[in-house]
C-alpha atoms as a PDB file:
ATOM      1  CA  MET A   1      87.323 -12.298  -5.225  1.00  0.00           C
ATOM      2  CA  GLU A   2      88.086 -13.114  -1.627  1.00  0.00           C
ATOM      3  CA  HIS A   3      89.341  -9.553  -1.135  1.00  0.00           C
ATOM      4  CA  HIS A   4      86.009  -8.159  -2.391  1.00  0.00           C
ATOM      5  CA  LEU A   5      84.074 -10.507  -0.108  1.00  0.00           C
ATOM      6  CA  CYS A   6      86.114  -9.376   2.918  1.00  0.00           C
ATOM      7  CA  VAL A   7      85.537  -5.749   2.085  1.00  0.00           C
ATOM      8  CA  HIS A   8      81.842  -6.359   1.542  1.00  0.00           C
ATOM      9  CA  SER A   9      81.567  -8.201   4.884  1.00  0.00           C
ATOM     10  CA  THR A  10      83.526  -5.495   6.629  1.00  0.00           C
ATOM     11  CA  MET A  11      81.284  -2.808   5.186  1.00  0.00           C
ATOM     12  CA  SER A  12      78.167  -4.700   6.193  1.00  0.00           C
ATOM     13  CA  GLU A  13      79.509  -5.106   9.755  1.00  0.00           C
ATOM     14  CA  ASN A  14      80.271  -1.382   9.933  1.00  0.00           C
ATOM     15  CA  THR A  15      76.789  -0.616   8.625  1.00  0.00           C
ATOM     16  CA  ASP A  16      75.248  -2.879  11.247  1.00  0.00           C
ATOM     17  CA  VAL A  17      77.354  -1.211  13.997  1.00  0.00           C
ATOM     18  CA  SER A  18      76.346   2.232  12.764  1.00  0.00           C
ATOM     19  CA  ALA A  19      72.716   1.253  12.628  1.00  0.00           C
ATOM     20  CA  VAL A  20      72.914  -0.112  16.176  1.00  0.00           C
ATOM     21  CA  ALA A  21      74.649   3.062  17.409  1.00  0.00           C
ATOM     22  CA  ALA A  22      72.079   5.249  15.679  1.00  0.00           C
ATOM     23  CA  ASP A  23      69.199   3.300  17.193  1.00  0.00           C
ATOM     24  CA  ALA A  24      70.810   3.614  20.639  1.00  0.00           C
ATOM     25  CA  LEU A  25      71.272   7.340  20.215  1.00  0.00           C
ATOM     26  CA  HIS A  26      67.660   7.852  19.124  1.00  0.00           C
ATOM     27  CA  GLY A  27      66.504   5.743  22.107  1.00  0.00           C
ATOM     28  CA  ALA A  28      68.541   7.863  24.507  1.00  0.00           C
ATOM     29  CA  VAL A  29      67.105  11.065  23.045  1.00  0.00           C
ATOM     30  CA  ASP A  30      63.551   9.723  23.318  1.00  0.00           C
ATOM     31  CA  ASN A  31      64.123   8.638  26.946  1.00  0.00           C
ATOM     32  CA  ALA A  32      65.584  12.024  27.801  1.00  0.00           C
ATOM     33  CA  SER A  33      62.620  13.774  26.293  1.00  0.00           C
ATOM     34  CA  ASP A  34      60.279  11.680  28.439  1.00  0.00           C
ATOM     35  CA  LEU A  35      62.032  12.751  31.674  1.00  0.00           C
ATOM     36  CA  PRO A  36      60.368  15.363  33.921  1.00  0.00           C
ATOM     37  CA  ALA A  37      61.279  18.938  33.269  1.00  0.00           C
ATOM     38  CA  SER A  38      62.989  19.260  36.655  1.00  0.00           C
ATOM     39  CA  THR A  39      65.390  16.454  35.691  1.00  0.00           C
ATOM     40  CA  SER A  40      66.234  17.261  32.092  1.00  0.00           C
ATOM     41  CA  ALA A  41      66.148  21.077  32.366  1.00  0.00           C
ATOM     42  CA  PRO A  42      65.749  22.203  35.951  1.00  0.00           C
ATOM     43  CA  SER A  43      65.549  25.920  35.243  1.00  0.00           C
ATOM     44  CA  ASP A  44      63.658  26.149  31.913  1.00  0.00           C
ATOM     45  CA  ARG A  45      60.191  25.931  33.457  1.00  0.00           C
ATOM     46  CA  TYR A  46      60.902  28.781  35.838  1.00  0.00           C
ATOM     47  CA  VAL A  47      62.339  31.310  33.376  1.00  0.00           C
ATOM     48  CA  SER A  48      59.271  33.505  33.053  1.00  0.00           C
ATOM     49  CA  ALA A  49      57.339  33.352  36.327  1.00  0.00           C
ATOM     50  CA  PRO A  50      53.872  34.905  35.894  1.00  0.00           C
ATOM     51  CA  ARG A  51      53.707  36.015  39.518  1.00  0.00           C
ATOM     52  CA  ARG A  52      56.125  37.200  42.183  1.00  0.00           C
ATOM     53  CA  LEU A  53      55.987  36.935  45.937  1.00  0.00           C
ATOM     54  CA  PHE A  54      53.944  39.747  47.484  1.00  0.00           C
ATOM     55  CA  ASN A  55      52.997  40.879  43.932  1.00  0.00           C
ATOM     56  CA  ARG A  56      56.224  42.906  43.755  1.00  0.00           C
ATOM     57  CA  ASP A  57      57.628  44.522  40.652  1.00  0.00           C
ATOM     58  CA  LYS A  58      61.097  45.355  42.003  1.00  0.00           C
ATOM     59  CA  SER A  59      64.276  43.307  42.165  1.00  0.00           C
ATOM     60  CA  VAL A  60      65.732  42.011  45.417  1.00  0.00           C
ATOM     61  CA  HIS A  61      68.484  44.636  45.220  1.00  0.00           C
ATOM     62  CA  GLN A  62      65.897  47.409  44.960  1.00  0.00           C
ATOM     63  CA  LEU A  63      63.806  45.993  47.785  1.00  0.00           C
ATOM     64  CA  LEU A  64      66.915  46.093  50.052  1.00  0.00           C
ATOM     65  CA  GLY A  65      67.401  49.778  49.312  1.00  0.00           C
ATOM     66  CA  GLY A  66      69.650  49.577  46.249  1.00  0.00           C
ATOM     67  CA  GLY A  67      72.642  51.020  48.124  1.00  0.00           C
ATOM     68  CA  GLN A  68      75.732  49.646  49.830  1.00  0.00           C
ATOM     69  CA  VAL A  69      73.723  47.674  52.329  1.00  0.00           C
ATOM     70  CA  ALA A  70      72.050  45.810  49.494  1.00  0.00           C
ATOM     71  CA  ASP A  71      75.416  45.209  47.868  1.00  0.00           C
ATOM     72  CA  VAL A  72      76.766  43.739  51.117  1.00  0.00           C
ATOM     73  CA  LEU A  73      73.738  41.506  51.751  1.00  0.00           C
ATOM     74  CA  LEU A  74      73.813  40.208  48.157  1.00  0.00           C
ATOM     75  CA  TRP A  75      77.618  39.611  48.286  1.00  0.00           C
ATOM     76  CA  ARG A  76      78.369  42.127  45.550  1.00  0.00           C
ATOM     77  CA  GLN A  77      81.095  43.467  47.882  1.00  0.00           C
ATOM     78  CA  LYS A  78      82.552  40.151  48.936  1.00  0.00           C
ATOM     79  CA  TYR A  79      85.360  41.425  51.167  1.00  0.00           C
ATOM     80  CA  LEU A  80      83.038  43.688  53.135  1.00  0.00           C
ATOM     81  CA  SER A  81      80.482  40.923  53.490  1.00  0.00           C
ATOM     82  CA  ILE A  82      83.139  38.521  54.771  1.00  0.00           C
ATOM     83  CA  SER A  83      84.445  41.150  57.198  1.00  0.00           C
ATOM     84  CA  ILE A  84      80.989  41.688  58.666  1.00  0.00           C
ATOM     85  CA  LEU A  85      80.385  37.978  59.084  1.00  0.00           C
ATOM     86  CA  VAL A  86      83.794  37.319  60.621  1.00  0.00           C
ATOM     87  CA  GLY A  87      83.528  40.388  62.863  1.00  0.00           C
ATOM     88  CA  SER A  88      80.073  39.524  64.107  1.00  0.00           C
ATOM     89  CA  THR A  89      81.161  35.916  64.761  1.00  0.00           C
ATOM     90  CA  VAL A  90      84.233  37.072  66.747  1.00  0.00           C
ATOM     91  CA  ILE A  91      82.107  39.450  68.838  1.00  0.00           C
ATOM     92  CA  TRP A  92      79.540  36.748  69.444  1.00  0.00           C
ATOM     93  CA  PHE A  93      82.255  34.298  70.534  1.00  0.00           C
ATOM     94  CA  LEU A  94      83.869  36.829  72.871  1.00  0.00           C
ATOM     95  CA  LEU A  95      80.549  37.693  74.502  1.00  0.00           C
ATOM     96  CA  GLU A  96      79.056  34.199  74.581  1.00  0.00           C
ATOM     97  CA  LYS A  97      82.056  31.901  75.212  1.00  0.00           C
ATOM     98  CA  SER A  98      84.592  34.100  76.968  1.00  0.00           C
ATOM     99  CA  GLN A  99      82.253  35.448  79.671  1.00  0.00           C
ATOM    100  CA  TYR A 100      82.578  38.987  78.362  1.00  0.00           C
ATOM    101  CA  THR A 101      79.732  41.456  78.768  1.00  0.00           C
ATOM    102  CA  LEU A 102      78.635  43.857  76.107  1.00  0.00           C
ATOM    103  CA  VAL A 103      79.588  46.914  78.168  1.00  0.00           C
ATOM    104  CA  ALA A 104      83.056  45.464  78.921  1.00  0.00           C
ATOM    105  CA  LEU A 105      83.646  44.634  75.280  1.00  0.00           C
ATOM    106  CA  LEU A 106      82.576  48.064  74.063  1.00  0.00           C
ATOM    107  CA  SER A 107      84.705  49.712  76.744  1.00  0.00           C
ATOM    108  CA  ASN A 108      87.799  47.735  75.736  1.00  0.00           C
ATOM    109  CA  ILE A 109      87.223  48.506  72.043  1.00  0.00           C
ATOM    110  CA  LEU A 110      86.872  52.260  72.778  1.00  0.00           C
ATOM    111  CA  PHE A 111      89.870  52.062  75.120  1.00  0.00           C
ATOM    112  CA  PHE A 112      92.218  50.721  72.500  1.00  0.00           C
ATOM    113  CA  THR A 113      90.671  52.938  69.747  1.00  0.00           C
ATOM    114  CA  VAL A 114      91.271  56.124  71.745  1.00  0.00           C
ATOM    115  CA  ILE A 115      94.871  55.129  72.535  1.00  0.00           C
ATOM    116  CA  ILE A 116      95.643  54.216  68.894  1.00  0.00           C
ATOM    117  CA  LEU A 117      94.137  57.479  67.563  1.00  0.00           C
ATOM    118  CA  PHE A 118      95.932  59.605  70.149  1.00  0.00           C
ATOM    119  CA  VAL A 119      99.319  58.032  69.490  1.00  0.00           C
ATOM    120  CA  TRP A 120      98.725  58.169  65.697  1.00  0.00           C
ATOM    121  CA  ALA A 121      97.857  61.871  65.799  1.00  0.00           C
ATOM    122  CA  ASN A 122     100.956  62.786  67.861  1.00  0.00           C
ATOM    123  CA  LEU A 123     103.316  60.704  65.740  1.00  0.00           C
ATOM    124  CA  ALA A 124     101.902  62.195  62.590  1.00  0.00           C
ATOM    125  CA  ALA A 125     102.464  65.717  63.968  1.00  0.00           C
ATOM    126  CA  LEU A 126     106.103  64.867  64.826  1.00  0.00           C
ATOM    127  CA  LEU A 127     106.788  63.257  61.441  1.00  0.00           C
ATOM    128  CA  ASN A 128     104.881  65.858  59.433  1.00  0.00           C
ATOM    129  CA  ARG A 129     102.466  63.229  58.172  1.00  0.00           C
ATOM    130  CA  SER A 130      98.692  63.248  57.840  1.00  0.00           C
ATOM    131  CA  GLY A 131      96.771  62.310  60.979  1.00  0.00           C
ATOM    132  CA  PRO A 132      94.046  59.743  61.415  1.00  0.00           C
ATOM    133  CA  PRO A 133      91.125  60.147  59.023  1.00  0.00           C
ATOM    134  CA  VAL A 134      88.614  61.319  61.654  1.00  0.00           C
ATOM    135  CA  HIS A 135      85.798  63.329  60.123  1.00  0.00           C
ATOM    136  CA  ASP A 136      83.344  65.630  61.837  1.00  0.00           C
ATOM    137  CA  LEU A 137      81.709  63.400  64.429  1.00  0.00           C
ATOM    138  CA  SER A 138      78.330  65.046  64.722  1.00  0.00           C
ATOM    139  CA  LEU A 139      74.727  64.288  63.781  1.00  0.00           C
ATOM    140  CA  SER A 140      73.003  66.808  61.571  1.00  0.00           C
ATOM    141  CA  GLU A 141      69.478  67.908  62.259  1.00  0.00           C
ATOM    142  CA  ASP A 142      68.234  66.457  58.977  1.00  0.00           C
ATOM    143  CA  VAL A 143      69.574  63.005  59.862  1.00  0.00           C
ATOM    144  CA  VAL A 144      67.914  63.053  63.262  1.00  0.00           C
ATOM    145  CA  LEU A 145      64.589  64.296  61.915  1.00  0.00           C
ATOM    146  CA  SER A 146      64.519  61.795  59.022  1.00  0.00           C
ATOM    147  CA  THR A 147      65.362  58.925  61.368  1.00  0.00           C
ATOM    148  CA  ALA A 148      62.654  59.977  63.815  1.00  0.00           C
ATOM    149  CA  SER A 149      60.129  60.358  61.005  1.00  0.00           C
ATOM    150  CA  ALA A 150      60.875  56.865  59.608  1.00  0.00           C
ATOM    151  CA  LEU A 151      60.650  55.424  63.152  1.00  0.00           C
ATOM    152  CA  ARG A 152      57.315  57.143  63.690  1.00  0.00           C
ATOM    153  CA  VAL A 153      55.909  55.635  60.465  1.00  0.00           C
ATOM    154  CA  GLU A 154      56.933  52.108  61.499  1.00  0.00           C
ATOM    155  CA  LEU A 155      55.549  52.527  65.009  1.00  0.00           C
ATOM    156  CA  ASN A 156      52.240  53.779  63.623  1.00  0.00           C
ATOM    157  CA  LYS A 157      52.016  50.658  61.480  1.00  0.00           C
ATOM    158  CA  VAL A 158      52.515  48.459  64.524  1.00  0.00           C
ATOM    159  CA  LEU A 159      49.931  50.464  66.518  1.00  0.00           C
ATOM    160  CA  GLU A 160      47.474  50.156  63.636  1.00  0.00           C
ATOM    161  CA  VAL A 161      47.840  46.383  63.675  1.00  0.00           C
ATOM    162  CA  VAL A 162      47.305  46.322  67.452  1.00  0.00           C
ATOM    163  CA  GLN A 163      44.251  48.465  67.057  1.00  0.00           C
ATOM    164  CA  ASP A 164      42.710  46.189  64.443  1.00  0.00           C
ATOM    165  CA  VAL A 165      43.351  43.119  66.560  1.00  0.00           C
ATOM    166  CA  ALA A 166      41.920  44.791  69.667  1.00  0.00           C
ATOM    167  CA  ARG A 167      38.683  45.613  67.799  1.00  0.00           C
ATOM    168  CA  GLY A 168      38.257  41.957  66.873  1.00  0.00           C
ATOM    169  CA  LYS A 169      37.324  42.598  63.245  1.00  0.00           C
ATOM    170  CA  ASP A 170      40.103  40.799  61.404  1.00  0.00           C
ATOM    171  CA  PHE A 171      40.388  37.175  62.578  1.00  0.00           C
ATOM    172  CA  LYS A 172      43.006  36.375  59.973  1.00  0.00           C
ATOM    173  CA  LEU A 173      45.228  39.173  61.240  1.00  0.00           C
ATOM    174  CA  PHE A 174      44.652  37.949  64.769  1.00  0.00           C
ATOM    175  CA  LEU A 175      45.977  34.487  63.824  1.00  0.00           C
ATOM    176  CA  LYS A 176      49.030  35.983  62.181  1.00  0.00           C
ATOM    177  CA  VAL A 177      49.856  38.117  65.240  1.00  0.00           C
ATOM    178  CA  VAL A 178      49.365  35.198  67.627  1.00  0.00           C
ATOM    179  CA  ALA A 179      51.568  32.957  65.463  1.00  0.00           C
ATOM    180  CA  LEU A 180      54.325  35.585  65.251  1.00  0.00           C
ATOM    181  CA  LEU A 181      54.305  36.234  68.997  1.00  0.00           C
ATOM    182  CA  TRP A 182      54.376  32.490  69.673  1.00  0.00           C
ATOM    183  CA  ILE A 183      57.414  32.074  67.388  1.00  0.00           C
ATOM    184  CA  ILE A 184      59.211  34.979  69.064  1.00  0.00           C
ATOM    185  CA  SER A 185      58.447  33.544  72.524  1.00  0.00           C
ATOM    186  CA  THR A 186      59.674  30.107  71.526  1.00  0.00           C
ATOM    187  CA  VAL A 187      62.900  31.382  70.010  1.00  0.00           C
ATOM    188  CA  ALA A 188      63.563  33.752  72.932  1.00  0.00           C
ATOM    189  CA  SER A 189      63.106  30.935  75.477  1.00  0.00           C
ATOM    190  CA  ARG A 190      65.781  28.827  73.720  1.00  0.00           C
ATOM    191  CA  VAL A 191      68.401  31.393  72.739  1.00  0.00           C
ATOM    192  CA  ASN A 192      69.464  34.705  74.297  1.00  0.00           C
ATOM    193  CA  PHE A 193      69.284  38.079  72.610  1.00  0.00           C
ATOM    194  CA  LEU A 194      72.941  38.075  71.535  1.00  0.00           C
ATOM    195  CA  THR A 195      72.745  34.698  69.871  1.00  0.00           C
ATOM    196  CA  ALA A 196      69.454  35.639  68.153  1.00  0.00           C
ATOM    197  CA  LEU A 197      71.109  38.831  66.882  1.00  0.00           C
ATOM    198  CA  TRP A 198      74.094  36.882  65.543  1.00  0.00           C
ATOM    199  CA  ILE A 199      71.773  34.376  63.834  1.00  0.00           C
ATOM    200  CA  GLY A 200      69.916  37.311  62.287  1.00  0.00           C
ATOM    201  CA  VAL A 201      73.164  38.648  60.838  1.00  0.00           C
ATOM    202  CA  ILE A 202      74.001  35.210  59.364  1.00  0.00           C
ATOM    203  CA  LEU A 203      70.490  34.836  57.893  1.00  0.00           C
ATOM    204  CA  ALA A 204      70.596  38.373  56.461  1.00  0.00           C
ATOM    205  CA  HIS A 205      73.758  37.441  54.532  1.00  0.00           C
ATOM    206  CA  THR A 206      72.397  34.112  53.252  1.00  0.00           C
ATOM    207  CA  ILE A 207      68.636  34.289  52.624  1.00  0.00           C
ATOM    208  CA  PRO A 208      68.626  37.385  50.303  1.00  0.00           C
ATOM    209  CA  PHE A 209      71.627  36.003  48.371  1.00  0.00           C
ATOM    210  CA  ILE A 210      70.018  32.535  47.851  1.00  0.00           C
ATOM    211  CA  TYR A 211      66.673  34.087  46.951  1.00  0.00           C
ATOM    212  CA  ASP A 212      68.260  36.480  44.471  1.00  0.00           C
ATOM    213  CA  LYS A 213      70.109  33.608  42.788  1.00  0.00           C
ATOM    214  CA  TYR A 214      67.153  31.157  42.605  1.00  0.00           C
ATOM    215  CA  GLU A 215      64.320  33.699  42.529  1.00  0.00           C
ATOM    216  CA  ASP A 216      62.201  32.054  39.825  1.00  0.00           C
ATOM    217  CA  ILE A 217      62.335  28.592  41.374  1.00  0.00           C
ATOM    218  CA  ILE A 218      61.570  29.805  44.888  1.00  0.00           C
ATOM    219  CA  ASP A 219      58.681  31.981  43.729  1.00  0.00           C
ATOM    220  CA  HIS A 220      57.163  29.089  41.740  1.00  0.00           C
ATOM    221  CA  HIS A 221      57.115  26.637  44.653  1.00  0.00           C
ATOM    222  CA  VAL A 222      56.235  29.155  47.376  1.00  0.00           C
ATOM    223  CA  LEU A 223      53.293  30.512  45.392  1.00  0.00           C
ATOM    224  CA  ARG A 224      52.037  27.021  44.741  1.00  0.00           C
ATOM    225  CA  ALA A 225      52.283  26.210  48.429  1.00  0.00           C
ATOM    226  CA  GLY A 226      50.535  29.483  49.251  1.00  0.00           C
ATOM    227  CA  ASP A 227      47.682  28.673  46.930  1.00  0.00           C
ATOM    228  CA  GLU A 228      47.225  25.276  48.652  1.00  0.00           C
ATOM    229  CA  VAL A 229      47.304  26.914  52.093  1.00  0.00           C
ATOM    230  CA  GLN A 230      44.781  29.537  50.991  1.00  0.00           C
ATOM    231  CA  LYS A 231      42.512  26.820  49.599  1.00  0.00           C
ATOM    232  CA  HIS A 232      42.485  24.919  52.889  1.00  0.00           C
ATOM    233  CA  TYR A 233      42.068  28.167  54.847  1.00  0.00           C
ATOM    234  CA  ASN A 234      38.993  29.082  52.796  1.00  0.00           C
ATOM    235  CA  LYS A 235      37.511  25.670  53.596  1.00  0.00           C
ATOM    236  CA  PHE A 236      38.294  26.103  57.260  1.00  0.00           C
ATOM    237  CA  GLY A 237      36.863  29.608  57.233  1.00  0.00           C
ATOM    238  CA  ALA A 238      33.663  28.487  55.568  1.00  0.00           C
ATOM    239  CA  ALA A 239      33.198  25.634  58.021  1.00  0.00           C
ATOM    240  CA  VAL A 240      34.406  27.183  61.314  1.00  0.00           C
ATOM    241  CA  LEU A 241      35.437  30.852  61.199  1.00  0.00           C
ATOM    242  CA  SER A 242      32.247  32.039  59.603  1.00  0.00           C
ATOM    243  CA  LYS A 243      30.278  30.741  62.610  1.00  0.00           C
ATOM    244  CA  ILE A 244      32.317  32.750  65.164  1.00  0.00           C
ATOM    245  CA  PRO A 245      30.438  35.926  66.210  1.00  0.00           C
ATOM    246  CA  ARG A 246      32.181  39.186  65.388  1.00  0.00           C
ATOM    247  CA  ALA A 247      32.308  42.333  67.463  1.00  0.00           C
ATOM    248  CA  PRO A 248      29.653  44.848  66.470  1.00  0.00           C
ATOM    249  CA  SER A 249      30.801  47.622  64.215  1.00  0.00           C
ATOM    250  CA  ASN A 250      31.072  51.135  65.700  1.00  0.00           C
ATOM    251  CA  GLU A 251      30.086  52.752  62.425  1.00  0.00           C
ATOM    252  CA  LYS A 252      26.537  54.080  62.284  1.00  0.00           C
ATOM    253  CA  LYS A 253      24.373  52.904  59.505  1.00  0.00           C
ATOM    254  CA  GLU A 254      23.171  55.624  57.161  1.00  0.00           C
ATOM    255  CA  LEU A 255      19.401  55.900  56.826  1.00  0.00           C
END
């Protein structure tokens, strides 16, 4: 009889413990479901972004050209990316901290390169081995013409922007150009060209990689911020910019 009572009490205690554990588990699940989406599942809400920055329909790799340059900037060729970063950092250190000039550094690099290639070629001829892998060092006419054509297109875009600003028709474009020039002037007054170029190399190897990895999250927040900025700009334009007189149009009205 006592044995049955002990078993019964033990079973009741186990049942109570199980009930308490089950209640605690349900409470934890309910609390977790009440948490914000960014805490419980930080990436679920950004899986299918309805919009992309600049209304693009291409991937980051395609926007960067889709070739070896894109692979390097997105760290798909890790050793080459590391080599470029280390090499640019070494060159920046030599020019910035060791009182080297760019001409002196390039001259020294060419000096040692010419000596190494000359000795390599002569030793290879004596030992009946293959010489240095130096290909035809010449620029084809197609390469020069395509480069000049691409440069002409970009210069025409810049000149078109300058023309629109000079005519005074697009006040929004005017603000963008002024802001960009002010940023360039501020940065140039604080760092020299070499340091700015080195920072550009570092940013080119970090920003595309980070954006490609967290594309949905970045697009979500940037687009929301852009909508807020556009809302305030529309209010500002309706209250102030609309009252600024515009330059008269050169186009003749049709009768």
